[in-house]
Amino acid sequence: MENIQKLFNTAQTIGQLPNSACTDAFKETLLKAINEYCRLKRLSFSEKRLWIAFKLMEVSDFIHPESLWLMLKEDKTPISIGCVYTNLKLMEAAGIAEAQSAGSRLILYKIRAAHH
């Protein structure tokens, strides 16, 4: 599989990113926002982070991290549940995703509407 960082650095390759119901322009905006936040926080830009973001974009409402993880597993994406939780919290901190409390310890996530 191609390195996502190489894809990000080559503007013409945005269409080669994972397919979803979202537009290429939105994918590019999301990709840039994640990359900028990671650079600011001195985090590496990971392929798994991108897969989580694109799968979250496909969901129209708030979703539980475990449900998102199961969707990724159905797509044969090799990813741990801990990676999903960590990256959702990172995306919330970056302003890319929003969180909603649905109980004492239950937090649901979705892509922030401002990015659409």
PDB file of N, CA and C in Angstrom:
ATOM      1  N   MET A   1       0.838  -1.183   0.000  1.00  0.00           N
ATOM      2  CA  MET A   1       0.000   0.000   0.000  1.00  0.00           C
ATOM      3  C   MET A   1       0.880   1.241   0.000  1.00  0.00           C
ATOM      4  N   GLU A   2       0.475   2.252  -0.742  1.00  0.00           N
ATOM      5  CA  GLU A   2       1.277   3.472  -0.849  1.00  0.00           C
ATOM      6  C   GLU A   2       1.332   4.207   0.471  1.00  0.00           C
ATOM      7  N   ASN A   3       2.413   4.891   0.667  1.00  0.00           N
ATOM      8  CA  ASN A   3       2.601   5.700   1.864  1.00  0.00           C
ATOM      9  C   ASN A   3       1.699   6.934   1.774  1.00  0.00           C
ATOM     10  N   ILE A   4       0.864   7.150   2.776  1.00  0.00           N
ATOM     11  CA  ILE A   4      -0.084   8.261   2.761  1.00  0.00           C
ATOM     12  C   ILE A   4       0.646   9.609   2.767  1.00  0.00           C
ATOM     13  N   GLN A   5       1.785   9.692   3.438  1.00  0.00           N
ATOM     14  CA  GLN A   5       2.528  10.950   3.444  1.00  0.00           C
ATOM     15  C   GLN A   5       2.965  11.313   2.028  1.00  0.00           C
ATOM     16  N   LYS A   6       3.390  10.336   1.229  1.00  0.00           N
ATOM     17  CA  LYS A   6       3.754  10.600  -0.169  1.00  0.00           C
ATOM     18  C   LYS A   6       2.549  11.103  -0.939  1.00  0.00           C
ATOM     19  N   LEU A   7       1.385  10.501  -0.687  1.00  0.00           N
ATOM     20  CA  LEU A   7       0.168  10.947  -1.365  1.00  0.00           C
ATOM     21  C   LEU A   7      -0.157  12.384  -0.995  1.00  0.00           C
ATOM     22  N   PHE A   8       0.016  12.715   0.276  1.00  0.00           N
ATOM     23  CA  PHE A   8      -0.284  14.077   0.699  1.00  0.00           C
ATOM     24  C   PHE A   8       0.646  15.081   0.030  1.00  0.00           C
ATOM     25  N   ASN A   9       1.902  14.715  -0.128  1.00  0.00           N
ATOM     26  CA  ASN A   9       2.881  15.625  -0.712  1.00  0.00           C
ATOM     27  C   ASN A   9       2.736  15.788  -2.217  1.00  0.00           C
ATOM     28  N   THR A  10       1.938  14.945  -2.861  1.00  0.00           N
ATOM     29  CA  THR A  10       1.737  15.007  -4.305  1.00  0.00           C
ATOM     30  C   THR A  10       0.283  15.374  -4.567  1.00  0.00           C
ATOM     31  N   ALA A  11       0.012  16.616  -4.914  1.00  0.00           N
ATOM     32  CA  ALA A  11      -1.352  17.138  -5.039  1.00  0.00           C
ATOM     33  C   ALA A  11      -2.212  16.342  -6.017  1.00  0.00           C
ATOM     34  N   GLN A  12      -1.626  15.811  -7.078  1.00  0.00           N
ATOM     35  CA  GLN A  12      -2.421  15.110  -8.081  1.00  0.00           C
ATOM     36  C   GLN A  12      -2.911  13.743  -7.611  1.00  0.00           C
ATOM     37  N   THR A  13      -2.476  13.278  -6.480  1.00  0.00           N
ATOM     38  CA  THR A  13      -2.833  11.934  -6.050  1.00  0.00           C
ATOM     39  C   THR A  13      -4.011  11.881  -5.086  1.00  0.00           C
ATOM     40  N   ILE A  14      -4.676  13.002  -4.827  1.00  0.00           N
ATOM     41  CA  ILE A  14      -5.780  13.004  -3.869  1.00  0.00           C
ATOM     42  C   ILE A  14      -6.866  12.008  -4.259  1.00  0.00           C
ATOM     43  N   GLY A  15      -7.091  11.781  -5.541  1.00  0.00           N
ATOM     44  CA  GLY A  15      -8.085  10.823  -5.987  1.00  0.00           C
ATOM     45  C   GLY A  15      -7.709   9.385  -5.698  1.00  0.00           C
ATOM     46  N   GLN A  16      -6.447   9.141  -5.362  1.00  0.00           N
ATOM     47  CA  GLN A  16      -5.995   7.789  -5.057  1.00  0.00           C
ATOM     48  C   GLN A  16      -6.224   7.422  -3.598  1.00  0.00           C
ATOM     49  N   LEU A  17      -6.697   8.379  -2.814  1.00  0.00           N
ATOM     50  CA  LEU A  17      -6.971   8.105  -1.410  1.00  0.00           C
ATOM     51  C   LEU A  17      -8.183   7.185  -1.291  1.00  0.00           C
ATOM     52  N   PRO A  18      -8.391   6.569  -0.122  1.00  0.00           N
ATOM     53  CA  PRO A  18      -9.485   5.615   0.048  1.00  0.00           C
ATOM     54  C   PRO A  18     -10.834   6.167  -0.415  1.00  0.00           C
ATOM     55  N   ASN A  19     -11.597   5.338  -1.097  1.00  0.00           N
ATOM     56  CA  ASN A  19     -12.911   5.757  -1.602  1.00  0.00           C
ATOM     57  C   ASN A  19     -13.906   5.899  -0.461  1.00  0.00           C
ATOM     58  N   SER A  20     -14.754   6.902  -0.563  1.00  0.00           N
ATOM     59  CA  SER A  20     -15.842   7.088   0.385  1.00  0.00           C
ATOM     60  C   SER A  20     -16.920   7.892  -0.323  1.00  0.00           C
ATOM     61  N   ALA A  21     -18.010   8.140   0.366  1.00  0.00           N
ATOM     62  CA  ALA A  21     -19.117   8.893  -0.227  1.00  0.00           C
ATOM     63  C   ALA A  21     -18.821  10.391  -0.261  1.00  0.00           C
ATOM     64  N   CYS A  22     -17.727  10.823   0.330  1.00  0.00           N
ATOM     65  CA  CYS A  22     -17.398  12.243   0.413  1.00  0.00           C
ATOM     66  C   CYS A  22     -16.635  12.708  -0.821  1.00  0.00           C
ATOM     67  N   THR A  23     -16.672  13.986  -1.055  1.00  0.00           N
ATOM     68  CA  THR A  23     -16.016  14.553  -2.231  1.00  0.00           C
ATOM     69  C   THR A  23     -14.509  14.613  -2.040  1.00  0.00           C
ATOM     70  N   ASP A  24     -13.795  14.671  -3.162  1.00  0.00           N
ATOM     71  CA  ASP A  24     -12.341  14.784  -3.105  1.00  0.00           C
ATOM     72  C   ASP A  24     -11.911  16.071  -2.425  1.00  0.00           C
ATOM     73  N   ALA A  25     -12.658  17.151  -2.637  1.00  0.00           N
ATOM     74  CA  ALA A  25     -12.312  18.433  -2.013  1.00  0.00           C
ATOM     75  C   ALA A  25     -12.391  18.332  -0.496  1.00  0.00           C
ATOM     76  N   PHE A  26     -13.407  17.652   0.007  1.00  0.00           N
ATOM     77  CA  PHE A  26     -13.532  17.492   1.446  1.00  0.00           C
ATOM     78  C   PHE A  26     -12.439  16.578   1.982  1.00  0.00           C
ATOM     79  N   LYS A  27     -12.127  15.529   1.230  1.00  0.00           N
ATOM     80  CA  LYS A  27     -11.027  14.643   1.633  1.00  0.00           C
ATOM     81  C   LYS A  27      -9.732  15.438   1.751  1.00  0.00           C
ATOM     82  N   GLU A  28      -9.492  16.290   0.774  1.00  0.00           N
ATOM     83  CA  GLU A  28      -8.270  17.077   0.778  1.00  0.00           C
ATOM     84  C   GLU A  28      -8.235  18.033   1.966  1.00  0.00           C
ATOM     85  N   THR A  29      -9.361  18.675   2.264  1.00  0.00           N
ATOM     86  CA  THR A  29      -9.449  19.581   3.408  1.00  0.00           C
ATOM     87  C   THR A  29      -9.183  18.826   4.709  1.00  0.00           C
ATOM     88  N   LEU A  30      -9.791  17.669   4.847  1.00  0.00           N
ATOM     89  CA  LEU A  30      -9.612  16.858   6.040  1.00  0.00           C
ATOM     90  C   LEU A  30      -8.163  16.390   6.155  1.00  0.00           C
ATOM     91  N   LEU A  31      -7.605  15.936   5.065  1.00  0.00           N
ATOM     92  CA  LEU A  31      -6.223  15.476   5.038  1.00  0.00           C
ATOM     93  C   LEU A  31      -5.262  16.586   5.471  1.00  0.00           C
ATOM     94  N   LYS A  32      -5.472  17.783   4.951  1.00  0.00           N
ATOM     95  CA  LYS A  32      -4.617  18.917   5.314  1.00  0.00           C
ATOM     96  C   LYS A  32      -4.780  19.281   6.788  1.00  0.00           C
ATOM     97  N   ALA A  33      -6.011  19.270   7.287  1.00  0.00           N
ATOM     98  CA  ALA A  33      -6.252  19.614   8.687  1.00  0.00           C
ATOM     99  C   ALA A  33      -5.568  18.618   9.626  1.00  0.00           C
ATOM    100  N   ILE A  34      -5.664  17.341   9.310  1.00  0.00           N
ATOM    101  CA  ILE A  34      -5.007  16.319  10.136  1.00  0.00           C
ATOM    102  C   ILE A  34      -3.499  16.485  10.067  1.00  0.00           C
ATOM    103  N   ASN A  35      -2.973  16.690   8.874  1.00  0.00           N
ATOM    104  CA  ASN A  35      -1.530  16.835   8.696  1.00  0.00           C
ATOM    105  C   ASN A  35      -1.003  18.058   9.446  1.00  0.00           C
ATOM    106  N   GLU A  36      -1.711  19.177   9.360  1.00  0.00           N
ATOM    107  CA  GLU A  36      -1.278  20.392  10.049  1.00  0.00           C
ATOM    108  C   GLU A  36      -1.286  20.206  11.562  1.00  0.00           C
ATOM    109  N   TYR A  37      -2.329  19.575  12.080  1.00  0.00           N
ATOM    110  CA  TYR A  37      -2.408  19.348  13.521  1.00  0.00           C
ATOM    111  C   TYR A  37      -1.275  18.426  13.979  1.00  0.00           C
ATOM    112  N   CYS A  38      -1.038  17.366  13.218  1.00  0.00           N
ATOM    113  CA  CYS A  38       0.038  16.434  13.570  1.00  0.00           C
ATOM    114  C   CYS A  38       1.392  17.129  13.543  1.00  0.00           C
ATOM    115  N   ARG A  39       1.612  17.959  12.541  1.00  0.00           N
ATOM    116  CA  ARG A  39       2.872  18.693  12.439  1.00  0.00           C
ATOM    117  C   ARG A  39       3.021  19.643  13.634  1.00  0.00           C
ATOM    118  N   LEU A  40       1.946  20.336  13.994  1.00  0.00           N
ATOM    119  CA  LEU A  40       1.960  21.255  15.125  1.00  0.00           C
ATOM    120  C   LEU A  40       2.300  20.529  16.427  1.00  0.00           C
ATOM    121  N   LYS A  41       1.755  19.344  16.597  1.00  0.00           N
ATOM    122  CA  LYS A  41       1.965  18.556  17.818  1.00  0.00           C
ATOM    123  C   LYS A  41       3.164  17.614  17.722  1.00  0.00           C
ATOM    124  N   ARG A  42       3.882  17.701  16.600  1.00  0.00           N
ATOM    125  CA  ARG A  42       5.054  16.852  16.346  1.00  0.00           C
ATOM    126  C   ARG A  42       4.710  15.367  16.402  1.00  0.00           C
ATOM    127  N   LEU A  43       3.586  15.037  15.802  1.00  0.00           N
ATOM    128  CA  LEU A  43       3.149  13.646  15.683  1.00  0.00           C
ATOM    129  C   LEU A  43       3.371  13.190  14.253  1.00  0.00           C
ATOM    130  N   SER A  44       3.640  11.926  14.090  1.00  0.00           N
ATOM    131  CA  SER A  44       3.777  11.416  12.725  1.00  0.00           C
ATOM    132  C   SER A  44       2.387  11.297  12.100  1.00  0.00           C
ATOM    133  N   PHE A  45       2.335  11.448  10.809  1.00  0.00           N
ATOM    134  CA  PHE A  45       1.065  11.321  10.090  1.00  0.00           C
ATOM    135  C   PHE A  45       0.918   9.861   9.698  1.00  0.00           C
ATOM    136  N   SER A  46      -0.073   9.169  10.253  1.00  0.00           N
ATOM    137  CA  SER A  46      -0.201   7.734  10.020  1.00  0.00           C
ATOM    138  C   SER A  46      -1.345   7.402   9.073  1.00  0.00           C
ATOM    139  N   GLU A  47      -1.162   6.338   8.367  1.00  0.00           N
ATOM    140  CA  GLU A  47      -2.174   5.828   7.454  1.00  0.00           C
ATOM    141  C   GLU A  47      -3.436   5.431   8.221  1.00  0.00           C
ATOM    142  N   LYS A  48      -3.261   4.839   9.391  1.00  0.00           N
ATOM    143  CA  LYS A  48      -4.413   4.412  10.190  1.00  0.00           C
ATOM    144  C   LYS A  48      -5.259   5.604  10.611  1.00  0.00           C
ATOM    145  N   ARG A  49      -4.613   6.708  10.939  1.00  0.00           N
ATOM    146  CA  ARG A  49      -5.346   7.921  11.318  1.00  0.00           C
ATOM    147  C   ARG A  49      -6.235   8.382  10.170  1.00  0.00           C
ATOM    148  N   LEU A  50      -5.710   8.298   8.975  1.00  0.00           N
ATOM    149  CA  LEU A  50      -6.471   8.695   7.799  1.00  0.00           C
ATOM    150  C   LEU A  50      -7.650   7.760   7.547  1.00  0.00           C
ATOM    151  N   TRP A  51      -7.441   6.460   7.700  1.00  0.00           N
ATOM    152  CA  TRP A  51      -8.539   5.503   7.511  1.00  0.00           C
ATOM    153  C   TRP A  51      -9.661   5.752   8.511  1.00  0.00           C
ATOM    154  N   ILE A  52      -9.303   6.055   9.747  1.00  0.00           N
ATOM    155  CA  ILE A  52     -10.309   6.352  10.772  1.00  0.00           C
ATOM    156  C   ILE A  52     -11.096   7.602  10.384  1.00  0.00           C
ATOM    157  N   ALA A  53     -10.413   8.637   9.961  1.00  0.00           N
ATOM    158  CA  ALA A  53     -11.080   9.890   9.578  1.00  0.00           C
ATOM    159  C   ALA A  53     -12.027   9.675   8.408  1.00  0.00           C
ATOM    160  N   PHE A  54     -11.587   8.944   7.387  1.00  0.00           N
ATOM    161  CA  PHE A  54     -12.442   8.716   6.221  1.00  0.00           C
ATOM    162  C   PHE A  54     -13.641   7.838   6.556  1.00  0.00           C
ATOM    163  N   LYS A  55     -13.448   6.864   7.429  1.00  0.00           N
ATOM    164  CA  LYS A  55     -14.586   6.017   7.823  1.00  0.00           C
ATOM    165  C   LYS A  55     -15.567   6.843   8.650  1.00  0.00           C
ATOM    166  N   LEU A  56     -15.066   7.720   9.507  1.00  0.00           N
ATOM    167  CA  LEU A  56     -15.938   8.578  10.305  1.00  0.00           C
ATOM    168  C   LEU A  56     -16.726   9.527   9.414  1.00  0.00           C
ATOM    169  N   MET A  57     -16.133   9.968   8.302  1.00  0.00           N
ATOM    170  CA  MET A  57     -16.840  10.848   7.364  1.00  0.00           C
ATOM    171  C   MET A  57     -18.041  10.144   6.740  1.00  0.00           C
ATOM    172  N   GLU A  58     -17.976   8.845   6.600  1.00  0.00           N
ATOM    173  CA  GLU A  58     -19.063   8.105   5.972  1.00  0.00           C
ATOM    174  C   GLU A  58     -20.286   7.974   6.878  1.00  0.00           C
ATOM    175  N   VAL A  59     -20.111   8.241   8.159  1.00  0.00           N
ATOM    176  CA  VAL A  59     -21.194   8.108   9.132  1.00  0.00           C
ATOM    177  C   VAL A  59     -21.891   9.453   9.270  1.00  0.00           C
ATOM    178  N   SER A  60     -23.206   9.477   9.145  1.00  0.00           N
ATOM    179  CA  SER A  60     -23.941  10.740   9.158  1.00  0.00           C
ATOM    180  C   SER A  60     -24.247  11.259  10.562  1.00  0.00           C
ATOM    181  N   ASP A  61     -24.213  10.396  11.554  1.00  0.00           N
ATOM    182  CA  ASP A  61     -24.548  10.813  12.909  1.00  0.00           C
ATOM    183  C   ASP A  61     -23.416  10.432  13.857  1.00  0.00           C
ATOM    184  N   PHE A  62     -23.570  10.749  15.122  1.00  0.00           N
ATOM    185  CA  PHE A  62     -22.576  10.377  16.112  1.00  0.00           C
ATOM    186  C   PHE A  62     -22.465   8.858  16.186  1.00  0.00           C
ATOM    187  N   ILE A  63     -21.254   8.359  16.399  1.00  0.00           N
ATOM    188  CA  ILE A  63     -21.019   6.919  16.446  1.00  0.00           C
ATOM    189  C   ILE A  63     -20.088   6.592  17.609  1.00  0.00           C
ATOM    190  N   HIS A  64     -20.287   5.434  18.187  1.00  0.00           N
ATOM    191  CA  HIS A  64     -19.429   4.955  19.267  1.00  0.00           C
ATOM    192  C   HIS A  64     -18.114   4.455  18.658  1.00  0.00           C
ATOM    193  N   PRO A  65     -16.989   4.706  19.318  1.00  0.00           N
ATOM    194  CA  PRO A  65     -15.700   4.258  18.784  1.00  0.00           C
ATOM    195  C   PRO A  65     -15.649   2.760  18.466  1.00  0.00           C
ATOM    196  N   GLU A  66     -16.288   1.938  19.282  1.00  0.00           N
ATOM    197  CA  GLU A  66     -16.274   0.496  19.013  1.00  0.00           C
ATOM    198  C   GLU A  66     -17.053   0.151  17.747  1.00  0.00           C
ATOM    199  N   SER A  67     -18.134   0.858  17.478  1.00  0.00           N
ATOM    200  CA  SER A  67     -18.895   0.641  16.242  1.00  0.00           C
ATOM    201  C   SER A  67     -18.057   1.041  15.029  1.00  0.00           C
ATOM    202  N   LEU A  68     -17.335   2.145  15.156  1.00  0.00           N
ATOM    203  CA  LEU A  68     -16.451   2.583  14.081  1.00  0.00           C
ATOM    204  C   LEU A  68     -15.350   1.553  13.854  1.00  0.00           C
ATOM    205  N   TRP A  69     -14.784   1.034  14.925  1.00  0.00           N
ATOM    206  CA  TRP A  69     -13.751   0.006  14.844  1.00  0.00           C
ATOM    207  C   TRP A  69     -14.274  -1.240  14.127  1.00  0.00           C
ATOM    208  N   LEU A  70     -15.496  -1.643  14.461  1.00  0.00           N
ATOM    209  CA  LEU A  70     -16.090  -2.813  13.797  1.00  0.00           C
ATOM    210  C   LEU A  70     -16.288  -2.563  12.306  1.00  0.00           C
ATOM    211  N   MET A  71     -16.656  -1.351  11.934  1.00  0.00           N
ATOM    212  CA  MET A  71     -16.797  -1.007  10.516  1.00  0.00           C
ATOM    213  C   MET A  71     -15.444  -1.111   9.808  1.00  0.00           C
ATOM    214  N   LEU A  72     -14.405  -0.637  10.461  1.00  0.00           N
ATOM    215  CA  LEU A  72     -13.058  -0.732   9.887  1.00  0.00           C
ATOM    216  C   LEU A  72     -12.627  -2.193   9.762  1.00  0.00           C
ATOM    217  N   LYS A  73     -12.945  -2.999  10.762  1.00  0.00           N
ATOM    218  CA  LYS A  73     -12.599  -4.423  10.719  1.00  0.00           C
ATOM    219  C   LYS A  73     -13.335  -5.125   9.580  1.00  0.00           C
ATOM    220  N   GLU A  74     -14.589  -4.745   9.333  1.00  0.00           N
ATOM    221  CA  GLU A  74     -15.344  -5.323   8.212  1.00  0.00           C
ATOM    222  C   GLU A  74     -14.666  -5.023   6.883  1.00  0.00           C
ATOM    223  N   ASP A  75     -14.014  -3.870   6.807  1.00  0.00           N
ATOM    224  CA  ASP A  75     -13.283  -3.472   5.593  1.00  0.00           C
ATOM    225  C   ASP A  75     -11.888  -4.092   5.548  1.00  0.00           C
ATOM    226  N   LYS A  76     -11.586  -4.960   6.511  1.00  0.00           N
ATOM    227  CA  LYS A  76     -10.281  -5.634   6.589  1.00  0.00           C
ATOM    228  C   LYS A  76      -9.142  -4.662   6.893  1.00  0.00           C
ATOM    229  N   THR A  77      -9.450  -3.570   7.582  1.00  0.00           N
ATOM    230  CA  THR A  77      -8.424  -2.612   7.983  1.00  0.00           C
ATOM    231  C   THR A  77      -7.770  -3.126   9.260  1.00  0.00           C
ATOM    232  N   PRO A  78      -6.462  -3.400   9.227  1.00  0.00           N
ATOM    233  CA  PRO A  78      -5.777  -3.905  10.428  1.00  0.00           C
ATOM    234  C   PRO A  78      -5.540  -2.775  11.430  1.00  0.00           C
ATOM    235  N   ILE A  79      -6.395  -2.697  12.431  1.00  0.00           N
ATOM    236  CA  ILE A  79      -6.332  -1.581  13.381  1.00  0.00           C
ATOM    237  C   ILE A  79      -6.849  -2.040  14.736  1.00  0.00           C
ATOM    238  N   SER A  80      -6.282  -1.507  15.802  1.00  0.00           N
ATOM    239  CA  SER A  80      -6.712  -1.877  17.151  1.00  0.00           C
ATOM    240  C   SER A  80      -7.782  -0.912  17.650  1.00  0.00           C
ATOM    241  N   ILE A  81      -8.541  -1.366  18.610  1.00  0.00           N
ATOM    242  CA  ILE A  81      -9.573  -0.516  19.199  1.00  0.00           C
ATOM    243  C   ILE A  81      -8.929   0.674  19.908  1.00  0.00           C
ATOM    244  N   GLY A  82      -7.778   0.458  20.515  1.00  0.00           N
ATOM    245  CA  GLY A  82      -7.065   1.545  21.185  1.00  0.00           C
ATOM    246  C   GLY A  82      -6.636   2.638  20.213  1.00  0.00           C
ATOM    247  N   CYS A  83      -6.233   2.230  19.025  1.00  0.00           N
ATOM    248  CA  CYS A  83      -5.837   3.181  17.986  1.00  0.00           C
ATOM    249  C   CYS A  83      -7.034   4.039  17.581  1.00  0.00           C
ATOM    250  N   VAL A  84      -8.205   3.434  17.494  1.00  0.00           N
ATOM    251  CA  VAL A  84      -9.419   4.176  17.135  1.00  0.00           C
ATOM    252  C   VAL A  84      -9.740   5.203  18.219  1.00  0.00           C
ATOM    253  N   TYR A  85      -9.744   4.782  19.483  1.00  0.00           N
ATOM    254  CA  TYR A  85     -10.031   5.707  20.585  1.00  0.00           C
ATOM    255  C   TYR A  85      -9.028   6.860  20.612  1.00  0.00           C
ATOM    256  N   THR A  86      -7.751   6.547  20.516  1.00  0.00           N
ATOM    257  CA  THR A  86      -6.701   7.565  20.566  1.00  0.00           C
ATOM    258  C   THR A  86      -6.847   8.583  19.442  1.00  0.00           C
ATOM    259  N   ASN A  87      -7.100   8.090  18.234  1.00  0.00           N
ATOM    260  CA  ASN A  87      -7.187   8.993  17.088  1.00  0.00           C
ATOM    261  C   ASN A  87      -8.475   9.802  17.074  1.00  0.00           C
ATOM    262  N   LEU A  88      -9.551   9.270  17.602  1.00  0.00           N
ATOM    263  CA  LEU A  88     -10.780  10.061  17.708  1.00  0.00           C
ATOM    264  C   LEU A  88     -10.577  11.218  18.675  1.00  0.00           C
ATOM    265  N   LYS A  89      -9.894  10.955  19.789  1.00  0.00           N
ATOM    266  CA  LYS A  89      -9.601  12.031  20.747  1.00  0.00           C
ATOM    267  C   LYS A  89      -8.679  13.066  20.116  1.00  0.00           C
ATOM    268  N   LEU A  90      -7.715  12.617  19.334  1.00  0.00           N
ATOM    269  CA  LEU A  90      -6.810  13.535  18.640  1.00  0.00           C
ATOM    270  C   LEU A  90      -7.587  14.392  17.641  1.00  0.00           C
ATOM    271  N   MET A  91      -8.497  13.773  16.887  1.00  0.00           N
ATOM    272  CA  MET A  91      -9.294  14.519  15.910  1.00  0.00           C
ATOM    273  C   MET A  91     -10.220  15.524  16.594  1.00  0.00           C
ATOM    274  N   GLU A  92     -10.711  15.171  17.778  1.00  0.00           N
ATOM    275  CA  GLU A  92     -11.533  16.128  18.527  1.00  0.00           C
ATOM    276  C   GLU A  92     -10.673  17.322  18.961  1.00  0.00           C
ATOM    277  N   ALA A  93      -9.489  17.048  19.472  1.00  0.00           N
ATOM    278  CA  ALA A  93      -8.583  18.121  19.895  1.00  0.00           C
ATOM    279  C   ALA A  93      -8.184  19.018  18.724  1.00  0.00           C
ATOM    280  N   ALA A  94      -8.100  18.432  17.535  1.00  0.00           N
ATOM    281  CA  ALA A  94      -7.730  19.191  16.338  1.00  0.00           C
ATOM    282  C   ALA A  94      -8.898  19.979  15.771  1.00  0.00           C
ATOM    283  N   GLY A  95     -10.107  19.748  16.296  1.00  0.00           N
ATOM    284  CA  GLY A  95     -11.282  20.442  15.790  1.00  0.00           C
ATOM    285  C   GLY A  95     -11.879  19.798  14.558  1.00  0.00           C
ATOM    286  N   ILE A  96     -11.448  18.599  14.229  1.00  0.00           N
ATOM    287  CA  ILE A  96     -11.921  17.880  13.048  1.00  0.00           C
ATOM    288  C   ILE A  96     -13.179  17.083  13.372  1.00  0.00           C
ATOM    289  N   ALA A  97     -13.210  16.529  14.573  1.00  0.00           N
ATOM    290  CA  ALA A  97     -14.362  15.744  15.017  1.00  0.00           C
ATOM    291  C   ALA A  97     -14.958  16.410  16.247  1.00  0.00           C
ATOM    292  N   GLU A  98     -16.216  16.103  16.486  1.00  0.00           N
ATOM    293  CA  GLU A  98     -16.844  16.583  17.713  1.00  0.00           C
ATOM    294  C   GLU A  98     -17.324  15.385  18.512  1.00  0.00           C
ATOM    295  N   ALA A  99     -17.309  15.554  19.823  1.00  0.00           N
ATOM    296  CA  ALA A  99     -17.708  14.486  20.732  1.00  0.00           C
ATOM    297  C   ALA A  99     -18.999  14.875  21.438  1.00  0.00           C
ATOM    298  N   GLN A 100     -19.780  13.863  21.769  1.00  0.00           N
ATOM    299  CA  GLN A 100     -21.039  14.082  22.473  1.00  0.00           C
ATOM    300  C   GLN A 100     -21.145  13.028  23.559  1.00  0.00           C
ATOM    301  N   SER A 101     -21.394  13.465  24.772  1.00  0.00           N
ATOM    302  CA  SER A 101     -21.566  12.539  25.875  1.00  0.00           C
ATOM    303  C   SER A 101     -22.960  11.922  25.792  1.00  0.00           C
ATOM    304  N   ALA A 102     -23.000  10.605  25.892  1.00  0.00           N
ATOM    305  CA  ALA A 102     -24.281   9.898  25.832  1.00  0.00           C
ATOM    306  C   ALA A 102     -24.429   9.006  27.063  1.00  0.00           C
ATOM    307  N   GLY A 103     -24.055   9.522  28.175  1.00  0.00           N
ATOM    308  CA  GLY A 103     -24.114   8.745  29.406  1.00  0.00           C
ATOM    309  C   GLY A 103     -22.893   9.051  30.254  1.00  0.00           C
ATOM    310  N   SER A 104     -22.769   8.353  31.367  1.00  0.00           N
ATOM    311  CA  SER A 104     -21.690   8.666  32.302  1.00  0.00           C
ATOM    312  C   SER A 104     -20.301   8.435  31.708  1.00  0.00           C
ATOM    313  N   ARG A 105     -20.133   7.378  30.927  1.00  0.00           N
ATOM    314  CA  ARG A 105     -18.812   7.101  30.364  1.00  0.00           C
ATOM    315  C   ARG A 105     -18.867   6.860  28.859  1.00  0.00           C
ATOM    316  N   LEU A 106     -19.977   7.149  28.236  1.00  0.00           N
ATOM    317  CA  LEU A 106     -20.161   6.878  26.812  1.00  0.00           C
ATOM    318  C   LEU A 106     -19.985   8.160  26.002  1.00  0.00           C
ATOM    319  N   ILE A 107     -19.005   8.165  25.116  1.00  0.00           N
ATOM    320  CA  ILE A 107     -18.745   9.320  24.256  1.00  0.00           C
ATOM    321  C   ILE A 107     -18.861   8.876  22.806  1.00  0.00           C
ATOM    322  N   LEU A 108     -19.633   9.645  22.046  1.00  0.00           N
ATOM    323  CA  LEU A 108     -19.840   9.363  20.630  1.00  0.00           C
ATOM    324  C   LEU A 108     -19.140  10.455  19.818  1.00  0.00           C
ATOM    325  N   TYR A 109     -18.749  10.121  18.591  1.00  0.00           N
ATOM    326  CA  TYR A 109     -18.002  11.064  17.747  1.00  0.00           C
ATOM    327  C   TYR A 109     -18.616  11.178  16.360  1.00  0.00           C
ATOM    328  N   LYS A 110     -18.380  12.333  15.725  1.00  0.00           N
ATOM    329  CA  LYS A 110     -18.702  12.525  14.309  1.00  0.00           C
ATOM    330  C   LYS A 110     -17.811  13.631  13.767  1.00  0.00           C
ATOM    331  N   ILE A 111     -17.702  13.688  12.450  1.00  0.00           N
ATOM    332  CA  ILE A 111     -16.927  14.740  11.797  1.00  0.00           C
ATOM    333  C   ILE A 111     -17.646  16.064  12.042  1.00  0.00           C
ATOM    334  N   ARG A 112     -16.897  17.084  12.364  1.00  0.00           N
ATOM    335  CA  ARG A 112     -17.455  18.411  12.614  1.00  0.00           C
ATOM    336  C   ARG A 112     -18.104  18.950  11.333  1.00  0.00           C
ATOM    337  N   ALA A 113     -19.294  19.460  11.442  1.00  0.00           N
ATOM    338  CA  ALA A 113     -20.061  19.935  10.284  1.00  0.00           C
ATOM    339  C   ALA A 113     -19.346  21.043   9.532  1.00  0.00           C
ATOM    340  N   ALA A 114     -18.537  21.835  10.179  1.00  0.00           N
ATOM    341  CA  ALA A 114     -17.834  22.928   9.523  1.00  0.00           C
ATOM    342  C   ALA A 114     -16.905  22.443   8.423  1.00  0.00           C
ATOM    343  N   HIS A 115     -16.493  21.180   8.483  1.00  0.00           N
ATOM    344  CA  HIS A 115     -15.591  20.623   7.481  1.00  0.00           C
ATOM    345  C   HIS A 115     -16.338  20.203   6.218  1.00  0.00           C
ATOM    346  N   HIS A 116     -17.670  20.088   6.283  1.00  0.00           N
ATOM    347  CA  HIS A 116     -18.448  19.641   5.119  1.00  0.00           C
ATOM    348  C   HIS A 116     -18.591  20.751   4.195  1.00  0.00           C
TER     349      HIS A 116
END
